[in-house]
């Protein structure tokens, strides 16, 4: 029996592989070096590509960054949708949602965001190109909030308020990890916030009331 020949990759497949390497390298350099130290030369070196291969796909550093950030957020969205579908199918607790938010935000996402976000304050074109990318990412978050609302029998507006507040709480906590490495400190706050989230959702036989966030307690715990 003759051994079959390995099918040659098409130009489209080779191009897709090159783009994937560039995107992965860009996020890695952003994460490890920071925005100001990210250069096309560094990205090409990490990706194992020539400058020519880079310029064939992108004409500027900004183009590379926008594409890589969009790809990173799309990947997070895919995982969010999968989690939301599985959560809605089997049912779950609000504690799981809080833990999942902490996990996916602390896995490079927040730190990479902290590198490129300041640039949007001073670069109007960069900001304009990132806005639709971030809106698409937020649509992915809405998938989880909708699944949670259906399971808890809560209004979607109420659910979005509670969970978007959770995103802000978690974001602030992760920002602190840069200068404070104290797992017990964050675990205590997560436990507290999980109890607040549980309190803000109705029991199955009771309609949701207007959320009353304990701002003083939350601020005290996060200071």
N, C-alpha and C. Protein backbone atom coordinates (compact mmCIF):
# COMPACT_ATOMS: atom_id res chain seq x y z
N UNK A 1 0.86 -1.20 0.00
CA UNK A 1 0.00 0.00 0.00
C UNK A 1 0.89 1.25 0.00
N UNK A 2 0.72 2.10 -0.94
CA UNK A 2 1.56 3.28 -1.07
C UNK A 2 1.23 4.30 0.01
N UNK A 3 2.30 4.89 0.49
CA UNK A 3 2.11 5.93 1.50
C UNK A 3 1.68 7.22 0.80
N UNK A 4 0.59 7.79 1.25
CA UNK A 4 0.07 8.98 0.60
C UNK A 4 0.98 10.18 0.81
N UNK A 5 1.04 11.03 -0.16
CA UNK A 5 1.83 12.23 -0.04
C UNK A 5 1.16 13.24 0.88
N UNK A 6 2.00 13.98 1.60
CA UNK A 6 1.46 15.03 2.45
C UNK A 6 0.96 16.17 1.57
N UNK A 7 -0.29 16.53 1.77
CA UNK A 7 -0.89 17.58 0.96
C UNK A 7 -0.21 18.92 1.23
N UNK A 8 0.21 19.57 0.17
CA UNK A 8 0.86 20.87 0.32
C UNK A 8 -0.14 21.90 0.83
N UNK A 9 0.35 22.77 1.68
CA UNK A 9 -0.53 23.81 2.21
C UNK A 9 -0.82 24.84 1.13
N UNK A 10 -2.02 25.34 1.18
CA UNK A 10 -2.40 26.38 0.23
C UNK A 10 -1.83 27.72 0.69
N UNK A 11 -1.84 28.68 -0.22
CA UNK A 11 -1.37 30.02 0.13
C UNK A 11 -2.22 30.61 1.24
N UNK A 12 -3.51 30.31 1.21
CA UNK A 12 -4.42 30.82 2.23
C UNK A 12 -4.07 30.24 3.60
N UNK A 13 -3.73 28.95 3.64
CA UNK A 13 -3.36 28.31 4.90
C UNK A 13 -2.03 28.87 5.43
N UNK A 14 -1.08 29.08 4.54
CA UNK A 14 0.21 29.65 4.95
C UNK A 14 0.02 31.07 5.49
N UNK A 15 -0.84 31.83 4.82
CA UNK A 15 -1.11 33.19 5.26
C UNK A 15 -1.77 33.21 6.63
N UNK A 16 -2.73 32.30 6.85
CA UNK A 16 -3.43 32.22 8.13
C UNK A 16 -2.46 31.85 9.25
N UNK A 17 -1.53 30.95 8.96
CA UNK A 17 -0.53 30.55 9.96
C UNK A 17 0.38 31.72 10.31
N UNK A 18 0.79 32.46 9.29
CA UNK A 18 1.65 33.62 9.53
C UNK A 18 0.94 34.66 10.38
N UNK A 19 -0.33 34.93 10.05
CA UNK A 19 -1.11 35.90 10.83
C UNK A 19 -1.24 35.45 12.28
N UNK A 20 -1.46 34.17 12.50
CA UNK A 20 -1.60 33.65 13.85
C UNK A 20 -0.30 33.85 14.63
N UNK A 21 0.83 33.63 13.99
CA UNK A 21 2.13 33.82 14.64
C UNK A 21 2.36 35.29 14.99
N UNK A 22 1.98 36.17 14.08
CA UNK A 22 2.14 37.61 14.33
C UNK A 22 1.26 38.05 15.51
N UNK A 23 0.01 37.59 15.52
CA UNK A 23 -0.91 37.96 16.59
C UNK A 23 -0.43 37.46 17.94
N UNK A 24 -0.01 36.21 17.98
CA UNK A 24 0.47 35.64 19.23
C UNK A 24 1.72 36.37 19.72
N UNK A 25 2.62 36.66 18.81
CA UNK A 25 3.86 37.36 19.18
C UNK A 25 3.56 38.77 19.67
N UNK A 26 2.61 39.45 19.03
CA UNK A 26 2.26 40.82 19.42
C UNK A 26 1.73 40.87 20.85
N UNK A 27 0.83 39.96 21.19
CA UNK A 27 0.28 39.92 22.55
C UNK A 27 1.37 39.56 23.55
N UNK A 28 2.26 38.64 23.17
CA UNK A 28 3.35 38.25 24.06
C UNK A 28 4.29 39.42 24.34
N UNK A 29 4.63 40.17 23.29
CA UNK A 29 5.52 41.32 23.46
C UNK A 29 4.84 42.41 24.28
N UNK A 30 3.57 42.69 24.00
CA UNK A 30 2.83 43.67 24.79
C UNK A 30 2.82 43.29 26.26
N UNK A 31 2.57 42.02 26.53
CA UNK A 31 2.48 41.53 27.91
C UNK A 31 3.82 41.61 28.63
N UNK A 32 4.89 41.23 27.93
CA UNK A 32 6.20 41.14 28.58
C UNK A 32 6.99 42.46 28.54
N UNK A 33 6.82 43.24 27.47
CA UNK A 33 7.64 44.43 27.29
C UNK A 33 6.90 45.74 27.54
N UNK A 34 5.58 45.74 27.34
CA UNK A 34 4.82 46.97 27.47
C UNK A 34 4.65 47.68 26.14
N UNK A 35 3.70 48.60 26.09
CA UNK A 35 3.36 49.27 24.84
C UNK A 35 4.53 50.04 24.24
N UNK A 36 5.21 50.84 25.07
CA UNK A 36 6.28 51.70 24.55
C UNK A 36 7.46 50.90 24.02
N UNK A 37 7.67 49.68 24.54
CA UNK A 37 8.80 48.86 24.10
C UNK A 37 8.41 47.86 23.01
N UNK A 38 7.15 47.87 22.62
CA UNK A 38 6.70 46.97 21.55
C UNK A 38 7.04 47.60 20.21
N UNK A 39 7.79 46.88 19.40
CA UNK A 39 8.18 47.35 18.08
C UNK A 39 7.96 46.26 17.05
N UNK A 40 7.86 46.64 15.80
CA UNK A 40 7.69 45.64 14.74
C UNK A 40 8.90 44.72 14.66
N UNK A 41 10.09 45.26 14.98
CA UNK A 41 11.30 44.44 14.98
C UNK A 41 11.20 43.35 16.04
N UNK A 42 10.75 43.73 17.24
CA UNK A 42 10.60 42.77 18.34
C UNK A 42 9.52 41.74 18.03
N UNK A 43 8.41 42.18 17.48
CA UNK A 43 7.32 41.27 17.14
C UNK A 43 7.79 40.25 16.10
N UNK A 44 8.48 40.73 15.07
CA UNK A 44 8.98 39.85 14.02
C UNK A 44 9.94 38.82 14.58
N UNK A 45 10.81 39.24 15.51
CA UNK A 45 11.78 38.32 16.11
C UNK A 45 11.08 37.23 16.91
N UNK A 46 10.09 37.62 17.71
CA UNK A 46 9.36 36.64 18.53
C UNK A 46 8.54 35.69 17.64
N UNK A 47 8.00 36.22 16.55
CA UNK A 47 7.20 35.41 15.63
C UNK A 47 8.07 34.53 14.74
N UNK A 48 9.39 34.82 14.70
CA UNK A 48 10.28 34.06 13.83
C UNK A 48 10.07 34.38 12.37
N UNK A 49 9.78 35.65 12.09
CA UNK A 49 9.49 36.09 10.72
C UNK A 49 10.42 37.23 10.32
N UNK A 50 10.55 37.43 9.03
CA UNK A 50 11.31 38.56 8.53
C UNK A 50 10.44 39.81 8.55
N UNK A 51 11.09 40.98 8.49
CA UNK A 51 10.32 42.22 8.41
C UNK A 51 9.46 42.23 7.15
N UNK A 52 9.97 41.63 6.07
CA UNK A 52 9.21 41.58 4.83
C UNK A 52 7.91 40.82 4.97
N UNK A 53 7.98 39.71 5.72
CA UNK A 53 6.76 38.92 5.94
C UNK A 53 5.74 39.71 6.74
N UNK A 54 6.24 40.53 7.66
CA UNK A 54 5.34 41.36 8.47
C UNK A 54 4.68 42.43 7.61
N UNK A 55 5.48 43.14 6.83
CA UNK A 55 4.94 44.25 6.03
C UNK A 55 4.03 43.75 4.91
N UNK A 56 4.16 42.47 4.56
CA UNK A 56 3.26 41.90 3.55
C UNK A 56 1.83 41.89 4.06
N UNK A 57 1.68 41.73 5.37
CA UNK A 57 0.34 41.65 5.99
C UNK A 57 -0.10 42.96 6.63
N UNK A 58 0.85 43.74 7.15
CA UNK A 58 0.51 44.96 7.87
C UNK A 58 1.44 46.10 7.45
N UNK A 59 0.88 47.28 7.33
CA UNK A 59 1.68 48.43 6.90
C UNK A 59 2.23 49.24 8.05
N UNK A 60 1.75 49.00 9.27
CA UNK A 60 2.21 49.79 10.41
C UNK A 60 2.09 49.01 11.71
N UNK A 61 2.77 49.48 12.73
CA UNK A 61 2.69 48.89 14.07
C UNK A 61 1.26 48.97 14.58
N UNK A 62 0.59 50.09 14.32
CA UNK A 62 -0.79 50.26 14.79
C UNK A 62 -1.72 49.23 14.17
N UNK A 63 -1.52 48.94 12.89
CA UNK A 63 -2.34 47.92 12.22
C UNK A 63 -2.15 46.56 12.89
N UNK A 64 -0.90 46.25 13.21
CA UNK A 64 -0.60 44.97 13.86
C UNK A 64 -1.28 44.90 15.22
N UNK A 65 -1.18 45.97 15.99
CA UNK A 65 -1.76 46.00 17.34
C UNK A 65 -3.28 45.85 17.30
N UNK A 66 -3.94 46.58 16.42
CA UNK A 66 -5.40 46.50 16.32
C UNK A 66 -5.83 45.08 15.98
N UNK A 67 -5.15 44.48 15.01
CA UNK A 67 -5.50 43.12 14.59
C UNK A 67 -5.28 42.12 15.73
N UNK A 68 -4.16 42.24 16.43
CA UNK A 68 -3.84 41.29 17.50
C UNK A 68 -4.80 41.44 18.68
N UNK A 69 -5.12 42.68 19.04
CA UNK A 69 -6.05 42.92 20.14
C UNK A 69 -7.43 42.37 19.80
N UNK A 70 -7.87 42.62 18.56
CA UNK A 70 -9.18 42.11 18.13
C UNK A 70 -9.20 40.59 18.18
N UNK A 71 -8.11 39.96 17.74
CA UNK A 71 -8.04 38.50 17.76
C UNK A 71 -8.06 37.97 19.19
N UNK A 72 -7.34 38.64 20.10
CA UNK A 72 -7.33 38.21 21.50
C UNK A 72 -8.73 38.29 22.11
N UNK A 73 -9.42 39.40 21.87
CA UNK A 73 -10.76 39.58 22.45
C UNK A 73 -11.77 38.63 21.82
N UNK A 74 -11.62 38.34 20.52
CA UNK A 74 -12.51 37.38 19.87
C UNK A 74 -12.33 35.99 20.48
N UNK A 75 -11.08 35.65 20.79
CA UNK A 75 -10.81 34.35 21.40
C UNK A 75 -11.44 34.26 22.79
N UNK A 76 -11.33 35.35 23.55
CA UNK A 76 -11.97 35.39 24.86
C UNK A 76 -13.48 35.26 24.70
N UNK A 77 -14.04 35.95 23.69
CA UNK A 77 -15.48 35.86 23.42
C UNK A 77 -15.92 34.44 23.15
N UNK A 78 -15.15 33.71 22.35
CA UNK A 78 -15.49 32.33 22.04
C UNK A 78 -15.57 31.49 23.32
N UNK A 79 -14.62 31.70 24.20
CA UNK A 79 -14.64 30.96 25.47
C UNK A 79 -15.80 31.39 26.34
N UNK A 80 -16.13 32.68 26.30
CA UNK A 80 -17.26 33.19 27.07
C UNK A 80 -18.58 32.58 26.59
N UNK A 81 -18.75 32.54 25.25
CA UNK A 81 -19.97 31.96 24.70
C UNK A 81 -20.09 30.49 25.09
N UNK A 82 -18.98 29.75 25.02
CA UNK A 82 -19.00 28.33 25.38
C UNK A 82 -19.36 28.16 26.85
N UNK A 83 -18.79 29.01 27.69
CA UNK A 83 -19.09 28.96 29.12
C UNK A 83 -20.55 29.29 29.38
N UNK A 84 -21.06 30.32 28.69
CA UNK A 84 -22.46 30.73 28.88
C UNK A 84 -23.42 29.63 28.47
N UNK A 85 -23.14 28.98 27.35
CA UNK A 85 -24.01 27.90 26.88
C UNK A 85 -24.02 26.74 27.87
N UNK A 86 -22.83 26.38 28.35
CA UNK A 86 -22.73 25.26 29.29
C UNK A 86 -23.37 25.62 30.63
N UNK A 87 -23.21 26.87 31.05
CA UNK A 87 -23.80 27.33 32.30
C UNK A 87 -25.32 27.29 32.22
N UNK A 88 -25.87 27.78 31.11
CA UNK A 88 -27.32 27.80 30.94
C UNK A 88 -27.89 26.38 30.87
N UNK A 89 -27.13 25.47 30.28
CA UNK A 89 -27.61 24.10 30.10
C UNK A 89 -27.69 23.34 31.43
N UNK A 90 -26.67 23.44 32.25
CA UNK A 90 -26.62 22.66 33.48
C UNK A 90 -27.08 23.43 34.71
N UNK A 91 -27.13 24.76 34.60
CA UNK A 91 -27.42 25.57 35.77
C UNK A 91 -26.13 25.75 36.57
N UNK A 92 -26.05 26.79 37.35
CA UNK A 92 -24.84 27.05 38.12
C UNK A 92 -25.08 28.16 39.12
N UNK A 93 -24.05 28.47 39.85
CA UNK A 93 -24.17 29.49 40.90
C UNK A 93 -23.52 30.80 40.46
N UNK A 94 -23.93 31.87 41.10
CA UNK A 94 -23.31 33.16 40.81
C UNK A 94 -21.84 33.15 41.23
N UNK A 95 -21.50 32.31 42.21
CA UNK A 95 -20.09 32.20 42.63
C UNK A 95 -19.22 31.78 41.45
N UNK A 96 -19.73 30.86 40.63
CA UNK A 96 -18.97 30.40 39.46
C UNK A 96 -18.70 31.54 38.50
N UNK A 97 -19.69 32.41 38.33
CA UNK A 97 -19.54 33.54 37.41
C UNK A 97 -18.44 34.48 37.91
N UNK A 98 -18.45 34.78 39.21
CA UNK A 98 -17.43 35.66 39.77
C UNK A 98 -16.04 35.04 39.60
N UNK A 99 -15.93 33.75 39.90
CA UNK A 99 -14.64 33.06 39.74
C UNK A 99 -14.17 33.09 38.29
N UNK A 100 -15.13 32.91 37.37
CA UNK A 100 -14.76 32.88 35.95
C UNK A 100 -14.29 34.25 35.49
N UNK A 101 -14.95 35.30 35.95
CA UNK A 101 -14.53 36.66 35.60
C UNK A 101 -13.11 36.91 36.09
N UNK A 102 -12.82 36.51 37.32
CA UNK A 102 -11.48 36.67 37.87
C UNK A 102 -10.46 35.92 37.02
N UNK A 103 -10.81 34.69 36.64
CA UNK A 103 -9.87 33.83 35.90
C UNK A 103 -9.56 34.41 34.52
N UNK A 104 -10.61 34.77 33.75
CA UNK A 104 -10.32 35.18 32.37
C UNK A 104 -9.72 36.59 32.31
N UNK A 105 -10.03 37.44 33.30
CA UNK A 105 -9.45 38.77 33.29
C UNK A 105 -8.00 38.77 33.75
N UNK A 106 -7.65 37.87 34.67
CA UNK A 106 -6.28 37.85 35.18
C UNK A 106 -5.33 37.06 34.29
N UNK A 107 -5.87 36.34 33.31
CA UNK A 107 -5.03 35.56 32.39
C UNK A 107 -4.60 36.45 31.22
N UNK A 108 -3.69 37.37 31.46
CA UNK A 108 -3.11 38.29 30.48
C UNK A 108 -4.06 39.40 30.02
N UNK A 109 -5.35 39.12 29.95
CA UNK A 109 -6.29 40.07 29.35
C UNK A 109 -6.17 41.45 29.99
N UNK A 110 -6.24 41.53 31.31
CA UNK A 110 -6.20 42.82 31.98
C UNK A 110 -4.87 43.52 31.77
N UNK A 111 -3.77 42.77 31.93
CA UNK A 111 -2.45 43.38 31.85
C UNK A 111 -2.14 43.88 30.44
N UNK A 112 -2.56 43.13 29.44
CA UNK A 112 -2.38 43.59 28.06
C UNK A 112 -3.23 44.84 27.81
N UNK A 113 -4.45 44.83 28.33
CA UNK A 113 -5.34 45.99 28.19
C UNK A 113 -4.71 47.23 28.83
N UNK A 114 -4.08 47.05 29.98
CA UNK A 114 -3.45 48.17 30.67
C UNK A 114 -2.30 48.76 29.87
N UNK A 115 -1.74 47.99 28.95
CA UNK A 115 -0.64 48.49 28.13
C UNK A 115 -1.14 49.38 26.99
N UNK A 116 -2.22 48.97 26.32
CA UNK A 116 -2.67 49.76 25.17
C UNK A 116 -3.73 50.81 25.51
N UNK A 117 -4.41 50.66 26.64
CA UNK A 117 -5.50 51.58 26.98
C UNK A 117 -5.03 53.04 27.10
N UNK A 118 -3.91 53.33 27.77
CA UNK A 118 -3.49 54.73 27.88
C UNK A 118 -3.26 55.39 26.52
N UNK A 119 -2.85 54.61 25.52
CA UNK A 119 -2.61 55.18 24.19
C UNK A 119 -3.90 55.74 23.58
N UNK A 120 -5.04 55.15 23.93
CA UNK A 120 -6.31 55.62 23.37
C UNK A 120 -6.67 57.02 23.86
N UNK A 121 -6.09 57.45 24.98
CA UNK A 121 -6.37 58.80 25.50
C UNK A 121 -5.73 59.86 24.63
N UNK A 122 -4.66 59.52 23.95
CA UNK A 122 -3.89 60.51 23.21
C UNK A 122 -3.88 60.29 21.70
N UNK A 123 -4.42 59.16 21.27
CA UNK A 123 -4.39 58.80 19.85
C UNK A 123 -5.82 58.55 19.38
N UNK A 124 -6.42 59.56 18.79
CA UNK A 124 -7.85 59.49 18.42
C UNK A 124 -8.12 58.41 17.39
N UNK A 125 -7.22 58.23 16.44
CA UNK A 125 -7.43 57.22 15.39
C UNK A 125 -7.35 55.82 15.98
N UNK A 126 -6.38 55.61 16.85
CA UNK A 126 -6.23 54.32 17.52
C UNK A 126 -7.49 54.01 18.34
N UNK A 127 -7.99 55.02 19.05
CA UNK A 127 -9.20 54.85 19.85
C UNK A 127 -10.40 54.50 18.96
N UNK A 128 -10.56 55.23 17.88
CA UNK A 128 -11.71 55.01 16.99
C UNK A 128 -11.71 53.60 16.42
N UNK A 129 -10.54 53.07 16.14
CA UNK A 129 -10.45 51.72 15.58
C UNK A 129 -10.66 50.63 16.63
N UNK A 130 -10.39 50.97 17.89
CA UNK A 130 -10.56 49.99 18.95
C UNK A 130 -11.99 49.93 19.50
N UNK A 131 -12.73 51.03 19.39
CA UNK A 131 -14.08 51.08 19.96
C UNK A 131 -14.97 49.94 19.45
N UNK A 132 -15.09 49.69 18.13
CA UNK A 132 -15.93 48.58 17.68
C UNK A 132 -15.41 47.21 18.13
N UNK A 133 -14.11 47.09 18.28
CA UNK A 133 -13.52 45.84 18.76
C UNK A 133 -13.98 45.55 20.19
N UNK A 134 -13.93 46.58 21.03
CA UNK A 134 -14.33 46.43 22.42
C UNK A 134 -15.84 46.22 22.54
N UNK A 135 -16.61 46.87 21.68
CA UNK A 135 -18.07 46.66 21.69
C UNK A 135 -18.41 45.21 21.39
N UNK A 136 -17.68 44.62 20.45
CA UNK A 136 -17.90 43.22 20.12
C UNK A 136 -17.57 42.31 21.32
N UNK A 137 -16.53 42.69 22.04
CA UNK A 137 -16.14 41.94 23.23
C UNK A 137 -17.24 42.02 24.29
N UNK A 138 -17.80 43.21 24.48
CA UNK A 138 -18.86 43.39 25.47
C UNK A 138 -20.12 42.60 25.09
N UNK A 139 -20.34 42.42 23.81
CA UNK A 139 -21.47 41.60 23.38
C UNK A 139 -21.28 40.16 23.85
N UNK A 140 -20.03 39.71 23.90
CA UNK A 140 -19.74 38.39 24.43
C UNK A 140 -20.05 38.29 25.91
N UNK A 141 -19.75 39.35 26.64
CA UNK A 141 -20.08 39.36 28.06
C UNK A 141 -21.58 39.28 28.27
N UNK A 142 -22.34 39.94 27.40
CA UNK A 142 -23.80 39.92 27.52
C UNK A 142 -24.36 38.51 27.42
N UNK A 143 -23.66 37.62 26.73
CA UNK A 143 -24.12 36.23 26.61
C UNK A 143 -24.16 35.57 27.99
N UNK A 144 -23.14 35.82 28.79
CA UNK A 144 -23.12 35.26 30.14
C UNK A 144 -24.18 35.90 31.01
N UNK A 145 -24.30 37.21 30.93
CA UNK A 145 -25.29 37.90 31.76
C UNK A 145 -26.71 37.41 31.42
N UNK A 146 -26.99 37.20 30.13
CA UNK A 146 -28.31 36.73 29.72
C UNK A 146 -28.57 35.32 30.23
N UNK A 147 -27.56 34.45 30.16
CA UNK A 147 -27.71 33.08 30.66
C UNK A 147 -27.98 33.10 32.16
N UNK A 148 -27.27 33.95 32.88
CA UNK A 148 -27.48 34.06 34.32
C UNK A 148 -28.86 34.60 34.64
N UNK A 149 -29.31 35.60 33.89
CA UNK A 149 -30.64 36.19 34.13
C UNK A 149 -31.73 35.14 33.93
N UNK A 150 -31.62 34.34 32.87
CA UNK A 150 -32.63 33.31 32.60
C UNK A 150 -32.67 32.29 33.73
N UNK A 151 -31.49 31.88 34.19
CA UNK A 151 -31.45 30.85 35.22
C UNK A 151 -31.99 31.37 36.55
N UNK A 152 -31.70 32.64 36.87
CA UNK A 152 -32.11 33.20 38.15
C UNK A 152 -33.49 33.84 38.11
N UNK A 153 -34.09 33.90 36.92
CA UNK A 153 -35.40 34.53 36.81
C UNK A 153 -35.35 36.01 37.12
N UNK A 154 -34.23 36.63 36.77
CA UNK A 154 -34.04 38.06 37.06
C UNK A 154 -34.08 38.86 35.77
N UNK A 155 -34.51 40.12 35.82
CA UNK A 155 -34.50 40.97 34.63
C UNK A 155 -33.07 41.13 34.10
N UNK A 156 -32.95 41.19 32.78
CA UNK A 156 -31.62 41.29 32.19
C UNK A 156 -30.93 42.61 32.56
N UNK A 157 -31.69 43.70 32.65
CA UNK A 157 -31.09 44.98 33.02
C UNK A 157 -30.48 44.90 34.42
N UNK A 158 -31.21 44.27 35.34
CA UNK A 158 -30.73 44.08 36.71
C UNK A 158 -29.46 43.24 36.70
N UNK A 159 -29.47 42.19 35.92
CA UNK A 159 -28.33 41.28 35.86
C UNK A 159 -27.10 41.98 35.29
N UNK A 160 -27.31 42.76 34.23
CA UNK A 160 -26.18 43.49 33.64
C UNK A 160 -25.57 44.46 34.65
N UNK A 161 -26.43 45.15 35.43
CA UNK A 161 -25.93 46.09 36.42
C UNK A 161 -25.05 45.39 37.45
N UNK A 162 -25.56 44.28 37.99
CA UNK A 162 -24.82 43.56 39.02
C UNK A 162 -23.50 43.01 38.47
N UNK A 163 -23.56 42.39 37.30
CA UNK A 163 -22.37 41.73 36.78
C UNK A 163 -21.36 42.70 36.18
N UNK A 164 -21.84 43.81 35.61
CA UNK A 164 -20.89 44.81 35.13
C UNK A 164 -20.19 45.50 36.31
N UNK A 165 -20.92 45.65 37.41
CA UNK A 165 -20.28 46.15 38.64
C UNK A 165 -19.23 45.15 39.11
N UNK A 166 -19.55 43.88 39.00
CA UNK A 166 -18.58 42.83 39.35
C UNK A 166 -17.32 42.95 38.51
N UNK A 167 -17.49 43.23 37.21
CA UNK A 167 -16.34 43.41 36.33
C UNK A 167 -15.46 44.55 36.83
N UNK A 168 -16.09 45.64 37.25
CA UNK A 168 -15.32 46.80 37.73
C UNK A 168 -14.61 46.48 39.04
N UNK A 169 -15.28 45.74 39.93
CA UNK A 169 -14.66 45.34 41.19
C UNK A 169 -13.44 44.46 40.92
N UNK A 170 -13.62 43.46 40.06
CA UNK A 170 -12.53 42.54 39.75
C UNK A 170 -11.38 43.29 39.07
N UNK A 171 -11.72 44.20 38.16
CA UNK A 171 -10.68 44.97 37.46
C UNK A 171 -9.82 45.75 38.45
N UNK A 172 -10.47 46.37 39.44
CA UNK A 172 -9.73 47.10 40.44
C UNK A 172 -8.85 46.21 41.29
N UNK A 173 -9.35 45.02 41.62
CA UNK A 173 -8.56 44.07 42.41
C UNK A 173 -7.33 43.61 41.63
N UNK A 174 -7.51 43.31 40.36
CA UNK A 174 -6.39 42.83 39.56
C UNK A 174 -5.35 43.92 39.38
N UNK A 175 -5.80 45.17 39.28
CA UNK A 175 -4.85 46.28 39.18
C UNK A 175 -3.92 46.31 40.39
N UNK A 176 -4.46 45.95 41.55
CA UNK A 176 -3.64 45.96 42.76
C UNK A 176 -2.59 44.86 42.77
N UNK A 177 -2.85 43.76 42.04
CA UNK A 177 -1.90 42.63 42.05
C UNK A 177 -0.54 43.02 41.49
N UNK A 178 -0.50 44.11 40.71
CA UNK A 178 0.77 44.54 40.12
C UNK A 178 1.78 44.90 41.21
N UNK A 179 1.30 45.52 42.29
CA UNK A 179 2.18 45.95 43.37
C UNK A 179 1.96 45.21 44.68
N UNK A 180 0.88 44.42 44.76
CA UNK A 180 0.62 43.70 46.00
C UNK A 180 0.34 42.23 45.70
N UNK A 181 1.30 41.38 45.99
CA UNK A 181 1.17 39.94 45.77
C UNK A 181 0.73 39.30 47.08
N UNK A 182 -0.58 39.18 47.24
CA UNK A 182 -1.15 38.69 48.51
C UNK A 182 -2.44 37.93 48.18
N UNK A 183 -2.32 36.63 47.94
CA UNK A 183 -3.47 35.85 47.51
C UNK A 183 -4.60 35.85 48.54
N UNK A 184 -4.25 35.82 49.83
CA UNK A 184 -5.28 35.82 50.87
C UNK A 184 -6.10 37.09 50.85
N UNK A 185 -5.46 38.19 50.57
CA UNK A 185 -6.12 39.51 50.50
C UNK A 185 -7.21 39.51 49.43
N UNK A 186 -6.87 38.99 48.24
CA UNK A 186 -7.84 38.96 47.14
C UNK A 186 -8.90 37.89 47.36
N UNK A 187 -8.52 36.76 47.94
CA UNK A 187 -9.48 35.69 48.20
C UNK A 187 -10.56 36.18 49.17
N UNK A 188 -10.16 36.96 50.16
CA UNK A 188 -11.12 37.49 51.13
C UNK A 188 -12.12 38.43 50.46
N UNK A 189 -11.60 39.29 49.57
CA UNK A 189 -12.49 40.22 48.87
C UNK A 189 -13.42 39.48 47.91
N UNK A 190 -12.90 38.47 47.22
CA UNK A 190 -13.75 37.69 46.32
C UNK A 190 -14.87 37.00 47.09
N UNK A 191 -14.55 36.45 48.26
CA UNK A 191 -15.58 35.80 49.09
C UNK A 191 -16.65 36.81 49.49
N UNK A 192 -16.20 38.00 49.90
CA UNK A 192 -17.15 39.05 50.26
C UNK A 192 -18.04 39.42 49.08
N UNK A 193 -17.42 39.62 47.90
CA UNK A 193 -18.21 40.08 46.77
C UNK A 193 -19.16 38.99 46.27
N UNK A 194 -18.78 37.74 46.38
CA UNK A 194 -19.68 36.65 46.01
C UNK A 194 -20.94 36.70 46.87
N UNK A 195 -20.76 36.97 48.17
CA UNK A 195 -21.94 37.04 49.05
C UNK A 195 -22.82 38.21 48.67
N UNK A 196 -22.21 39.34 48.23
CA UNK A 196 -22.99 40.49 47.79
C UNK A 196 -23.78 40.16 46.52
N UNK A 197 -23.14 39.48 45.60
CA UNK A 197 -23.81 39.12 44.34
C UNK A 197 -24.97 38.17 44.61
N UNK A 198 -24.77 37.18 45.49
CA UNK A 198 -25.87 36.27 45.83
C UNK A 198 -27.03 37.04 46.43
N UNK A 199 -26.74 38.02 47.27
CA UNK A 199 -27.79 38.82 47.92
C UNK A 199 -28.57 39.65 46.92
N UNK A 200 -27.91 40.06 45.85
CA UNK A 200 -28.54 40.94 44.87
C UNK A 200 -29.42 40.22 43.86
N UNK A 201 -29.43 38.89 43.92
CA UNK A 201 -30.31 38.13 43.04
C UNK A 201 -31.46 37.55 43.83
N UNK A 202 -32.65 37.52 43.21
CA UNK A 202 -33.83 37.02 43.94
C UNK A 202 -33.82 35.51 44.05
N UNK A 203 -34.54 35.00 45.05
CA UNK A 203 -34.77 33.57 45.10
C UNK A 203 -35.75 33.22 43.99
N UNK A 204 -35.84 31.95 43.55
CA UNK A 204 -36.70 31.58 42.42
C UNK A 204 -38.16 31.99 42.55
N UNK A 205 -38.67 32.08 43.81
CA UNK A 205 -40.09 32.40 43.99
C UNK A 205 -40.32 33.86 44.36
N UNK A 206 -39.28 34.68 44.25
CA UNK A 206 -39.41 36.08 44.63
C UNK A 206 -38.88 36.98 43.51
N UNK A 207 -39.65 37.97 43.06
CA UNK A 207 -39.18 38.84 42.00
C UNK A 207 -37.99 39.69 42.44
N UNK A 208 -37.20 40.07 41.45
CA UNK A 208 -36.03 40.90 41.75
C UNK A 208 -36.46 42.27 42.21
N UNK A 209 -35.81 42.79 43.24
CA UNK A 209 -36.08 44.15 43.68
C UNK A 209 -35.00 45.05 43.12
N UNK A 210 -35.20 46.34 43.26
CA UNK A 210 -34.20 47.29 42.77
C UNK A 210 -32.89 47.05 43.54
N UNK A 211 -31.75 46.84 42.87
CA UNK A 211 -30.52 46.51 43.58
C UNK A 211 -30.07 47.64 44.50
N UNK A 212 -29.67 47.26 45.72
CA UNK A 212 -29.16 48.22 46.69
C UNK A 212 -27.71 47.85 46.99
N UNK A 213 -26.77 48.40 46.24
CA UNK A 213 -25.37 48.08 46.42
C UNK A 213 -24.85 48.71 47.70
N UNK A 214 -24.14 47.91 48.50
CA UNK A 214 -23.55 48.41 49.71
C UNK A 214 -22.21 49.06 49.36
N UNK A 215 -22.29 50.29 48.86
CA UNK A 215 -21.11 50.97 48.34
C UNK A 215 -20.06 51.17 49.43
N UNK A 216 -20.51 51.56 50.64
CA UNK A 216 -19.55 51.81 51.72
C UNK A 216 -18.77 50.55 52.06
N UNK A 217 -19.47 49.43 52.18
CA UNK A 217 -18.82 48.18 52.50
C UNK A 217 -17.86 47.77 51.40
N UNK A 218 -18.34 47.91 50.15
CA UNK A 218 -17.50 47.52 49.02
C UNK A 218 -16.24 48.38 48.97
N UNK A 219 -16.39 49.69 49.15
CA UNK A 219 -15.23 50.55 49.12
C UNK A 219 -14.26 50.25 50.26
N UNK A 220 -14.85 49.96 51.42
CA UNK A 220 -13.99 49.65 52.55
C UNK A 220 -13.17 48.39 52.30
N UNK A 221 -13.82 47.40 51.67
CA UNK A 221 -13.13 46.13 51.43
C UNK A 221 -12.07 46.27 50.37
N UNK A 222 -12.26 47.22 49.45
CA UNK A 222 -11.35 47.32 48.32
C UNK A 222 -10.27 48.36 48.52
N UNK A 223 -10.33 49.10 49.59
CA UNK A 223 -9.34 50.16 49.77
C UNK A 223 -7.99 49.59 50.21
